[in-house]
Amino acid sequence: MILLAMENDERRARDEAKEAVQKIRLEAELLRSAIAETRERIEESRQLLVRASPVKCPFGASTLTKL
């Protein structure tokens, strides 16, 4: 009876560990996706800045030279 209870506890622990790993993998995939989207937005913003006409700042420097 004690052996059976120990096996059930071990099985439950393995199941919980598998669930935890699955959740971590899902979270990691969501983070990778969010990072990829952020990088795309950053690149789009850079392209817009490159195409934009330079804006003059005090002392005659343009904003693009300060990036």
N, C-alpha and C. Protein backbone atom coordinates (compact mmCIF):
# COMPACT_ATOMS: atom_id res chain seq x y z
N MET A 1 0.81 -1.19 0.00
CA MET A 1 0.00 0.00 0.00
C MET A 1 0.86 1.26 0.00
N ILE A 2 1.92 1.27 0.80
CA ILE A 2 2.82 2.42 0.86
C ILE A 2 3.54 2.59 -0.47
N LEU A 3 3.94 1.46 -1.06
CA LEU A 3 4.63 1.52 -2.35
C LEU A 3 3.72 2.11 -3.42
N LEU A 4 2.47 1.72 -3.42
CA LEU A 4 1.50 2.25 -4.38
C LEU A 4 1.32 3.75 -4.20
N ALA A 5 1.25 4.21 -2.98
CA ALA A 5 1.11 5.64 -2.69
C ALA A 5 2.34 6.40 -3.16
N MET A 6 3.52 5.82 -2.96
CA MET A 6 4.76 6.46 -3.43
C MET A 6 4.78 6.55 -4.94
N GLU A 7 4.33 5.49 -5.63
CA GLU A 7 4.28 5.51 -7.09
C GLU A 7 3.30 6.57 -7.59
N ASN A 8 2.16 6.71 -6.92
CA ASN A 8 1.19 7.73 -7.29
C ASN A 8 1.77 9.13 -7.10
N ASP A 9 2.49 9.33 -6.00
CA ASP A 9 3.12 10.63 -5.74
C ASP A 9 4.16 10.94 -6.81
N GLU A 10 4.95 9.94 -7.17
CA GLU A 10 5.97 10.14 -8.20
C GLU A 10 5.32 10.45 -9.54
N ARG A 11 4.26 9.73 -9.87
CA ARG A 11 3.55 9.96 -11.13
C ARG A 11 2.98 11.38 -11.16
N ARG A 12 2.38 11.78 -10.06
CA ARG A 12 1.80 13.12 -9.96
C ARG A 12 2.90 14.18 -10.10
N ALA A 13 4.02 13.95 -9.47
CA ALA A 13 5.14 14.89 -9.55
C ALA A 13 5.66 14.99 -10.98
N ARG A 14 5.76 13.85 -11.67
CA ARG A 14 6.20 13.87 -13.07
C ARG A 14 5.21 14.62 -13.95
N ASP A 15 3.93 14.38 -13.73
CA ASP A 15 2.90 15.08 -14.51
C ASP A 15 2.96 16.58 -14.28
N GLU A 16 3.13 16.98 -13.03
CA GLU A 16 3.23 18.40 -12.71
C GLU A 16 4.47 19.02 -13.35
N ALA A 17 5.57 18.27 -13.34
CA ALA A 17 6.80 18.76 -13.95
C ALA A 17 6.62 18.92 -15.46
N LYS A 18 5.94 17.97 -16.09
CA LYS A 18 5.69 18.06 -17.54
C LYS A 18 4.83 19.28 -17.86
N GLU A 19 3.81 19.51 -17.04
CA GLU A 19 2.96 20.69 -17.24
C GLU A 19 3.77 21.98 -17.10
N ALA A 20 4.63 22.01 -16.11
CA ALA A 20 5.45 23.20 -15.89
C ALA A 20 6.37 23.45 -17.09
N VAL A 21 6.97 22.40 -17.60
CA VAL A 21 7.85 22.54 -18.77
C VAL A 21 7.06 23.03 -19.97
N GLN A 22 5.86 22.50 -20.18
CA GLN A 22 5.01 22.94 -21.29
C GLN A 22 4.67 24.42 -21.17
N LYS A 23 4.35 24.86 -19.96
CA LYS A 23 4.03 26.27 -19.74
C LYS A 23 5.24 27.15 -20.02
N ILE A 24 6.41 26.71 -19.58
CA ILE A 24 7.63 27.48 -19.82
C ILE A 24 7.93 27.57 -21.30
N ARG A 25 7.75 26.47 -22.02
CA ARG A 25 7.99 26.49 -23.47
C ARG A 25 7.02 27.44 -24.17
N LEU A 26 5.76 27.42 -23.76
CA LEU A 26 4.78 28.32 -24.35
C LEU A 26 5.14 29.77 -24.07
N GLU A 27 5.50 30.07 -22.84
CA GLU A 27 5.89 31.43 -22.48
C GLU A 27 7.13 31.87 -23.27
N ALA A 28 8.07 30.98 -23.44
CA ALA A 28 9.28 31.30 -24.20
C ALA A 28 8.92 31.61 -25.66
N GLU A 29 8.01 30.84 -26.23
CA GLU A 29 7.59 31.08 -27.61
C GLU A 29 6.87 32.43 -27.73
N LEU A 30 6.04 32.74 -26.76
CA LEU A 30 5.36 34.04 -26.77
C LEU A 30 6.36 35.19 -26.65
N LEU A 31 7.36 35.01 -25.81
CA LEU A 31 8.40 36.04 -25.67
C LEU A 31 9.19 36.20 -26.96
N ARG A 32 9.55 35.08 -27.60
CA ARG A 32 10.27 35.16 -28.88
C ARG A 32 9.45 35.90 -29.92
N SER A 33 8.16 35.63 -29.95
CA SER A 33 7.27 36.29 -30.89
C SER A 33 7.19 37.79 -30.61
N ALA A 34 7.05 38.14 -29.35
CA ALA A 34 6.98 39.56 -28.98
C ALA A 34 8.28 40.28 -29.32
N ILE A 35 9.41 39.63 -29.09
CA ILE A 35 10.71 40.22 -29.42
C ILE A 35 10.83 40.43 -30.92
N ALA A 36 10.41 39.45 -31.71
CA ALA A 36 10.47 39.56 -33.17
C ALA A 36 9.60 40.73 -33.65
N GLU A 37 8.40 40.85 -33.10
CA GLU A 37 7.52 41.96 -33.49
C GLU A 37 8.14 43.30 -33.12
N THR A 38 8.73 43.38 -31.95
CA THR A 38 9.38 44.62 -31.51
C THR A 38 10.53 44.98 -32.42
N ARG A 39 11.33 44.00 -32.81
CA ARG A 39 12.44 44.27 -33.72
C ARG A 39 11.93 44.77 -35.07
N GLU A 40 10.82 44.19 -35.55
CA GLU A 40 10.24 44.66 -36.81
C GLU A 40 9.79 46.11 -36.69
N ARG A 41 9.16 46.44 -35.59
CA ARG A 41 8.71 47.83 -35.39
C ARG A 41 9.88 48.79 -35.31
N ILE A 42 10.93 48.37 -34.64
CA ILE A 42 12.13 49.21 -34.54
C ILE A 42 12.70 49.45 -35.93
N GLU A 43 12.78 48.40 -36.73
CA GLU A 43 13.32 48.54 -38.09
C GLU A 43 12.43 49.44 -38.94
N GLU A 44 11.11 49.30 -38.81
CA GLU A 44 10.19 50.17 -39.54
C GLU A 44 10.40 51.63 -39.13
N SER A 45 10.59 51.86 -37.84
CA SER A 45 10.83 53.22 -37.35
C SER A 45 12.14 53.77 -37.90
N ARG A 46 13.15 52.94 -37.94
CA ARG A 46 14.43 53.39 -38.50
C ARG A 46 14.29 53.78 -39.96
N GLN A 47 13.54 52.95 -40.71
CA GLN A 47 13.33 53.26 -42.13
C GLN A 47 12.58 54.58 -42.29
N LEU A 48 11.59 54.82 -41.45
CA LEU A 48 10.86 56.09 -41.51
C LEU A 48 11.78 57.26 -41.20
N LEU A 49 12.65 57.08 -40.22
CA LEU A 49 13.59 58.15 -39.88
C LEU A 49 14.55 58.44 -41.03
N VAL A 50 14.98 57.39 -41.71
CA VAL A 50 15.91 57.57 -42.83
C VAL A 50 15.24 58.35 -43.94
N ARG A 51 13.95 58.05 -44.19
CA ARG A 51 13.24 58.73 -45.28
C ARG A 51 12.79 60.13 -44.91
N ALA A 52 12.69 60.43 -43.63
CA ALA A 52 12.22 61.73 -43.18
C ALA A 52 13.26 62.80 -43.48
N SER A 53 12.80 64.00 -43.71
CA SER A 53 13.76 65.09 -43.94
C SER A 53 14.41 65.45 -42.62
N PRO A 54 15.67 65.78 -42.67
CA PRO A 54 16.38 66.13 -41.42
C PRO A 54 15.74 67.35 -40.75
N VAL A 55 15.58 67.26 -39.46
CA VAL A 55 15.04 68.36 -38.68
C VAL A 55 16.20 69.06 -38.00
N LYS A 56 16.23 70.36 -38.16
CA LYS A 56 17.34 71.11 -37.57
C LYS A 56 17.14 71.26 -36.06
N CYS A 57 18.23 71.10 -35.34
CA CYS A 57 18.24 71.25 -33.90
C CYS A 57 19.10 72.45 -33.55
N PRO A 58 19.03 72.86 -32.31
CA PRO A 58 19.95 73.94 -31.91
C PRO A 58 21.39 73.57 -32.22
N PHE A 59 22.18 74.53 -32.55
CA PHE A 59 23.59 74.38 -32.88
C PHE A 59 23.79 73.74 -34.25
N GLY A 60 22.74 73.65 -35.05
CA GLY A 60 22.87 73.22 -36.43
C GLY A 60 22.99 71.75 -36.68
N ALA A 61 22.87 70.90 -35.68
CA ALA A 61 22.97 69.45 -35.87
C ALA A 61 21.59 68.89 -36.21
N SER A 62 21.55 67.90 -37.10
CA SER A 62 20.26 67.29 -37.40
C SER A 62 19.99 66.15 -36.41
N THR A 63 18.72 65.77 -36.30
CA THR A 63 18.36 64.71 -35.35
C THR A 63 18.94 63.38 -35.78
N LEU A 64 19.11 63.18 -37.08
CA LEU A 64 19.61 61.90 -37.55
C LEU A 64 21.08 61.69 -37.17
N THR A 65 21.82 62.78 -37.04
CA THR A 65 23.23 62.60 -36.66
C THR A 65 23.38 62.28 -35.19
N LYS A 66 22.32 62.48 -34.42
CA LYS A 66 22.39 62.22 -32.98
C LYS A 66 21.97 60.80 -32.63
N LEU A 67 21.44 60.03 -33.59
CA LEU A 67 20.97 58.68 -33.29
C LEU A 67 22.09 57.71 -33.15
